[in-house]
């Protein structure tokens, strides 16, 4: 289950648009104060947007992060399935169990 976002996506998009479209780039703290968000949150959003556009290489793009999460979940599921198959295989390899009385 995903964590609840502290700020709505609409606010994030508005903050990024305001920061990006302002003439000379205003200080992040100023834009954050205008919108009532933490400066560090806005700084993170800006960095992620730049990574998504290929302007930064120090962090993965959102698409890559989501793909990694999906692959981790898939990998965990496959590991669970493998454990079940190993247990079943070991049980069948051991041969028939003790005879059970039929009534």
N, C-alpha and C. Protein backbone atom coordinates (compact mmCIF):
# COMPACT_ATOMS: atom_id res chain seq x y z
N UNK A 1 0.85 -1.17 0.00
CA UNK A 1 0.00 0.00 0.00
C UNK A 1 0.89 1.24 0.00
N UNK A 2 0.58 2.19 -0.83
CA UNK A 2 1.39 3.40 -0.95
C UNK A 2 1.10 4.34 0.21
N UNK A 3 2.13 5.07 0.59
CA UNK A 3 1.97 6.04 1.66
C UNK A 3 1.13 7.21 1.17
N UNK A 4 0.38 7.80 2.08
CA UNK A 4 -0.43 8.96 1.71
C UNK A 4 0.48 10.16 1.48
N UNK A 5 0.20 10.92 0.44
CA UNK A 5 1.01 12.09 0.11
C UNK A 5 0.66 13.23 1.06
N UNK A 6 1.70 13.96 1.46
CA UNK A 6 1.47 15.10 2.34
C UNK A 6 0.86 16.25 1.56
N UNK A 7 1.30 16.42 0.32
CA UNK A 7 0.80 17.51 -0.53
C UNK A 7 0.09 16.90 -1.74
N UNK A 8 -1.03 17.47 -2.15
CA UNK A 8 -1.72 16.96 -3.33
C UNK A 8 -0.87 17.15 -4.60
N UNK A 9 -1.09 16.28 -5.57
CA UNK A 9 -0.34 16.37 -6.83
C UNK A 9 -0.58 17.70 -7.54
N UNK A 10 -1.79 18.23 -7.42
CA UNK A 10 -2.09 19.51 -8.07
C UNK A 10 -1.22 20.63 -7.50
N UNK A 11 -0.99 20.60 -6.18
CA UNK A 11 -0.14 21.61 -5.56
C UNK A 11 1.30 21.44 -6.03
N UNK A 12 1.73 20.21 -6.14
CA UNK A 12 3.09 19.95 -6.63
C UNK A 12 3.27 20.50 -8.05
N UNK A 13 2.31 20.19 -8.92
CA UNK A 13 2.39 20.67 -10.30
C UNK A 13 2.36 22.19 -10.37
N UNK A 14 1.53 22.80 -9.55
CA UNK A 14 1.44 24.26 -9.52
C UNK A 14 2.75 24.87 -9.04
N UNK A 15 3.33 24.29 -8.00
CA UNK A 15 4.60 24.80 -7.46
C UNK A 15 5.71 24.70 -8.51
N UNK A 16 5.78 23.58 -9.20
CA UNK A 16 6.81 23.41 -10.23
C UNK A 16 6.60 24.39 -11.37
N UNK A 17 5.35 24.57 -11.78
CA UNK A 17 5.06 25.50 -12.86
C UNK A 17 5.42 26.93 -12.45
N UNK A 18 5.06 27.31 -11.23
CA UNK A 18 5.36 28.65 -10.75
C UNK A 18 6.87 28.89 -10.70
N UNK A 19 7.61 27.92 -10.19
CA UNK A 19 9.06 28.07 -10.08
C UNK A 19 9.70 28.13 -11.47
N UNK A 20 9.23 27.26 -12.37
CA UNK A 20 9.82 27.15 -13.70
C UNK A 20 9.50 28.37 -14.57
N UNK A 21 8.28 28.88 -14.46
CA UNK A 21 7.84 29.93 -15.36
C UNK A 21 8.13 31.34 -14.85
N UNK A 22 8.62 31.48 -13.64
CA UNK A 22 8.98 32.80 -13.13
C UNK A 22 10.20 33.27 -13.90
N UNK A 23 10.22 34.56 -14.24
CA UNK A 23 11.33 35.14 -15.01
C UNK A 23 12.68 34.62 -14.58
N UNK A 24 13.48 35.42 -13.94
CA UNK A 24 14.68 34.84 -13.36
C UNK A 24 14.23 33.95 -12.20
N UNK A 25 14.81 32.79 -12.13
CA UNK A 25 14.35 31.81 -11.14
C UNK A 25 14.37 32.39 -9.73
N UNK A 26 13.20 32.40 -9.09
CA UNK A 26 13.15 32.90 -7.71
C UNK A 26 13.74 31.87 -6.76
N UNK A 27 14.15 32.31 -5.59
CA UNK A 27 14.64 31.33 -4.62
C UNK A 27 13.56 30.30 -4.29
N UNK A 28 13.98 29.09 -4.12
CA UNK A 28 13.04 28.00 -3.81
C UNK A 28 12.26 28.31 -2.55
N UNK A 29 12.94 28.84 -1.55
CA UNK A 29 12.27 29.16 -0.28
C UNK A 29 11.14 30.16 -0.48
N UNK A 30 11.33 31.11 -1.37
CA UNK A 30 10.30 32.13 -1.62
C UNK A 30 9.06 31.51 -2.24
N UNK A 31 9.23 30.67 -3.25
CA UNK A 31 8.09 30.01 -3.90
C UNK A 31 7.41 29.08 -2.90
N UNK A 32 8.19 28.35 -2.12
CA UNK A 32 7.63 27.43 -1.14
C UNK A 32 6.78 28.19 -0.12
N UNK A 33 7.30 29.32 0.34
CA UNK A 33 6.57 30.13 1.33
C UNK A 33 5.24 30.63 0.73
N UNK A 34 5.26 31.05 -0.53
CA UNK A 34 4.05 31.55 -1.20
C UNK A 34 2.96 30.48 -1.25
N UNK A 35 3.39 29.23 -1.44
CA UNK A 35 2.42 28.14 -1.59
C UNK A 35 2.16 27.35 -0.32
N UNK A 36 2.92 27.66 0.73
CA UNK A 36 2.71 26.95 2.00
C UNK A 36 3.25 25.53 2.01
N UNK A 37 4.36 25.30 1.31
CA UNK A 37 5.01 23.98 1.33
C UNK A 37 6.42 24.14 1.91
N UNK A 38 6.98 23.04 2.35
CA UNK A 38 8.34 23.07 2.88
C UNK A 38 9.33 23.27 1.73
N UNK A 39 10.34 24.12 1.92
CA UNK A 39 11.33 24.34 0.85
C UNK A 39 12.01 23.04 0.40
N UNK A 40 12.27 22.15 1.35
CA UNK A 40 12.94 20.89 0.97
C UNK A 40 12.04 20.04 0.08
N UNK A 41 10.72 20.09 0.31
CA UNK A 41 9.80 19.35 -0.56
C UNK A 41 9.86 19.90 -1.98
N UNK A 42 9.82 21.23 -2.11
CA UNK A 42 9.90 21.84 -3.44
C UNK A 42 11.24 21.54 -4.10
N UNK A 43 12.31 21.58 -3.34
CA UNK A 43 13.64 21.28 -3.89
C UNK A 43 13.67 19.84 -4.42
N UNK A 44 13.07 18.93 -3.69
CA UNK A 44 13.01 17.53 -4.12
C UNK A 44 12.19 17.39 -5.39
N UNK A 45 11.04 18.08 -5.45
CA UNK A 45 10.19 18.02 -6.63
C UNK A 45 10.93 18.55 -7.86
N UNK A 46 11.65 19.64 -7.67
CA UNK A 46 12.40 20.23 -8.78
C UNK A 46 13.46 19.25 -9.27
N UNK A 47 14.19 18.65 -8.33
CA UNK A 47 15.23 17.69 -8.71
C UNK A 47 14.66 16.49 -9.45
N UNK A 48 13.51 16.00 -8.99
CA UNK A 48 12.89 14.84 -9.64
C UNK A 48 12.39 15.21 -11.03
N UNK A 49 11.81 16.39 -11.17
CA UNK A 49 11.35 16.83 -12.48
C UNK A 49 12.53 16.95 -13.45
N UNK A 50 13.64 17.48 -12.97
CA UNK A 50 14.83 17.59 -13.82
C UNK A 50 15.35 16.21 -14.21
N UNK A 51 15.30 15.27 -13.29
CA UNK A 51 15.73 13.90 -13.60
C UNK A 51 14.81 13.26 -14.64
N UNK A 52 13.51 13.51 -14.50
CA UNK A 52 12.54 12.95 -15.44
C UNK A 52 12.74 13.52 -16.85
N UNK A 53 13.21 14.76 -16.93
CA UNK A 53 13.46 15.38 -18.23
C UNK A 53 14.86 15.06 -18.75
N UNK A 54 15.65 14.32 -17.98
CA UNK A 54 16.99 13.94 -18.42
C UNK A 54 18.05 15.00 -18.17
N UNK A 55 17.73 15.98 -17.35
CA UNK A 55 18.68 17.05 -17.07
C UNK A 55 19.62 16.72 -15.91
N UNK A 56 19.29 15.68 -15.16
CA UNK A 56 20.13 15.27 -14.03
C UNK A 56 20.39 13.78 -14.13
N UNK A 57 21.59 13.40 -13.76
CA UNK A 57 21.92 11.97 -13.79
C UNK A 57 22.22 11.44 -12.40
N UNK A 58 22.06 12.26 -11.37
CA UNK A 58 22.36 11.81 -10.02
C UNK A 58 21.20 11.10 -9.34
N UNK A 59 20.07 11.00 -10.02
CA UNK A 59 18.92 10.27 -9.48
C UNK A 59 18.15 9.66 -10.63
N UNK A 60 17.48 8.53 -10.36
CA UNK A 60 16.73 7.88 -11.44
C UNK A 60 15.44 8.63 -11.76
N UNK A 61 15.01 8.50 -12.98
CA UNK A 61 13.74 9.10 -13.40
C UNK A 61 12.60 8.35 -12.72
N UNK A 62 11.47 9.01 -12.59
CA UNK A 62 10.30 8.42 -11.94
C UNK A 62 9.91 7.11 -12.61
N UNK A 63 9.97 7.08 -13.93
CA UNK A 63 9.62 5.88 -14.69
C UNK A 63 10.51 4.70 -14.27
N UNK A 64 11.80 4.97 -14.12
CA UNK A 64 12.74 3.91 -13.73
C UNK A 64 12.47 3.45 -12.29
N UNK A 65 12.17 4.39 -11.42
CA UNK A 65 11.88 4.05 -10.03
C UNK A 65 10.64 3.17 -9.93
N UNK A 66 9.60 3.52 -10.68
CA UNK A 66 8.37 2.72 -10.67
C UNK A 66 8.61 1.33 -11.24
N UNK A 67 9.42 1.25 -12.30
CA UNK A 67 9.75 -0.05 -12.89
C UNK A 67 10.52 -0.91 -11.89
N UNK A 68 11.45 -0.30 -11.15
CA UNK A 68 12.21 -1.03 -10.14
C UNK A 68 11.29 -1.56 -9.04
N UNK A 69 10.34 -0.75 -8.61
CA UNK A 69 9.39 -1.21 -7.58
C UNK A 69 8.58 -2.39 -8.09
N UNK A 70 8.11 -2.28 -9.32
CA UNK A 70 7.32 -3.37 -9.91
C UNK A 70 8.14 -4.65 -9.98
N UNK A 71 9.39 -4.52 -10.42
CA UNK A 71 10.25 -5.70 -10.53
C UNK A 71 10.58 -6.29 -9.17
N UNK A 72 10.76 -5.45 -8.15
CA UNK A 72 11.01 -5.98 -6.80
C UNK A 72 9.81 -6.78 -6.29
N UNK A 73 8.59 -6.24 -6.52
CA UNK A 73 7.39 -6.98 -6.10
C UNK A 73 7.28 -8.30 -6.84
N UNK A 74 7.53 -8.27 -8.15
CA UNK A 74 7.46 -9.48 -8.96
C UNK A 74 8.51 -10.49 -8.49
N UNK A 75 9.71 -10.02 -8.20
CA UNK A 75 10.78 -10.89 -7.73
C UNK A 75 10.40 -11.54 -6.40
N UNK A 76 9.83 -10.76 -5.48
CA UNK A 76 9.41 -11.31 -4.19
C UNK A 76 8.35 -12.38 -4.38
N UNK A 77 7.39 -12.13 -5.27
CA UNK A 77 6.34 -13.11 -5.54
C UNK A 77 6.94 -14.39 -6.12
N UNK A 78 7.86 -14.26 -7.05
CA UNK A 78 8.49 -15.44 -7.65
C UNK A 78 9.28 -16.23 -6.62
N UNK A 79 9.93 -15.54 -5.70
CA UNK A 79 10.65 -16.24 -4.62
C UNK A 79 9.68 -17.04 -3.76
N UNK A 80 8.51 -16.44 -3.43
CA UNK A 80 7.51 -17.17 -2.64
C UNK A 80 7.02 -18.41 -3.39
N UNK A 81 6.75 -18.25 -4.68
CA UNK A 81 6.27 -19.38 -5.48
C UNK A 81 7.34 -20.47 -5.53
N UNK A 82 8.60 -20.07 -5.69
CA UNK A 82 9.69 -21.06 -5.71
C UNK A 82 9.77 -21.83 -4.41
N UNK A 83 9.58 -21.15 -3.29
CA UNK A 83 9.62 -21.84 -1.99
C UNK A 83 8.50 -22.88 -1.89
N UNK A 84 7.33 -22.52 -2.35
CA UNK A 84 6.20 -23.46 -2.33
C UNK A 84 6.51 -24.65 -3.23
N UNK A 85 7.06 -24.39 -4.42
CA UNK A 85 7.38 -25.48 -5.34
C UNK A 85 8.48 -26.38 -4.78
N UNK A 86 9.48 -25.79 -4.13
CA UNK A 86 10.54 -26.60 -3.52
C UNK A 86 9.98 -27.51 -2.43
N UNK A 87 9.10 -26.95 -1.60
CA UNK A 87 8.51 -27.74 -0.52
C UNK A 87 7.66 -28.88 -1.10
N UNK A 88 6.88 -28.58 -2.13
CA UNK A 88 6.04 -29.61 -2.75
C UNK A 88 6.91 -30.67 -3.40
N UNK A 89 7.98 -30.24 -4.06
CA UNK A 89 8.87 -31.18 -4.72
C UNK A 89 9.54 -32.11 -3.70
N UNK A 90 9.97 -31.54 -2.60
CA UNK A 90 10.60 -32.35 -1.55
C UNK A 90 9.60 -33.35 -0.97
N UNK A 91 8.37 -32.93 -0.82
CA UNK A 91 7.33 -33.82 -0.27
C UNK A 91 7.07 -34.98 -1.22
N UNK A 92 6.97 -34.69 -2.52
CA UNK A 92 6.72 -35.76 -3.48
C UNK A 92 7.94 -36.65 -3.66
N UNK A 93 9.13 -36.10 -3.55
CA UNK A 93 10.36 -36.88 -3.71
C UNK A 93 10.53 -37.86 -2.56
N UNK A 94 9.96 -37.55 -1.40
CA UNK A 94 10.09 -38.41 -0.23
C UNK A 94 9.26 -39.69 -0.38
N UNK A 95 8.42 -39.73 -1.37
CA UNK A 95 7.62 -40.93 -1.60
C UNK A 95 6.31 -40.86 -0.82
N UNK A 96 5.53 -41.94 -0.95
CA UNK A 96 4.23 -41.94 -0.27
C UNK A 96 4.42 -41.98 1.23
N UNK A 97 3.51 -41.34 1.90
CA UNK A 97 3.55 -41.30 3.37
C UNK A 97 3.04 -42.59 3.94
N UNK A 98 2.88 -42.63 5.23
CA UNK A 98 2.35 -43.84 5.87
C UNK A 98 0.96 -44.16 5.33
N UNK A 99 0.66 -45.46 5.27
CA UNK A 99 -0.64 -45.89 4.75
C UNK A 99 -1.74 -45.39 5.66
N UNK A 100 -2.78 -44.92 5.03
CA UNK A 100 -3.91 -44.43 5.81
C UNK A 100 -5.03 -45.44 5.72
N UNK A 101 -5.69 -45.61 6.81
CA UNK A 101 -6.83 -46.56 6.84
C UNK A 101 -8.00 -45.99 6.05
N UNK A 102 -8.59 -46.84 5.23
CA UNK A 102 -9.74 -46.38 4.44
C UNK A 102 -11.00 -46.97 5.08
N UNK A 103 -12.00 -46.15 5.16
CA UNK A 103 -13.24 -46.66 5.73
C UNK A 103 -14.37 -46.55 4.77
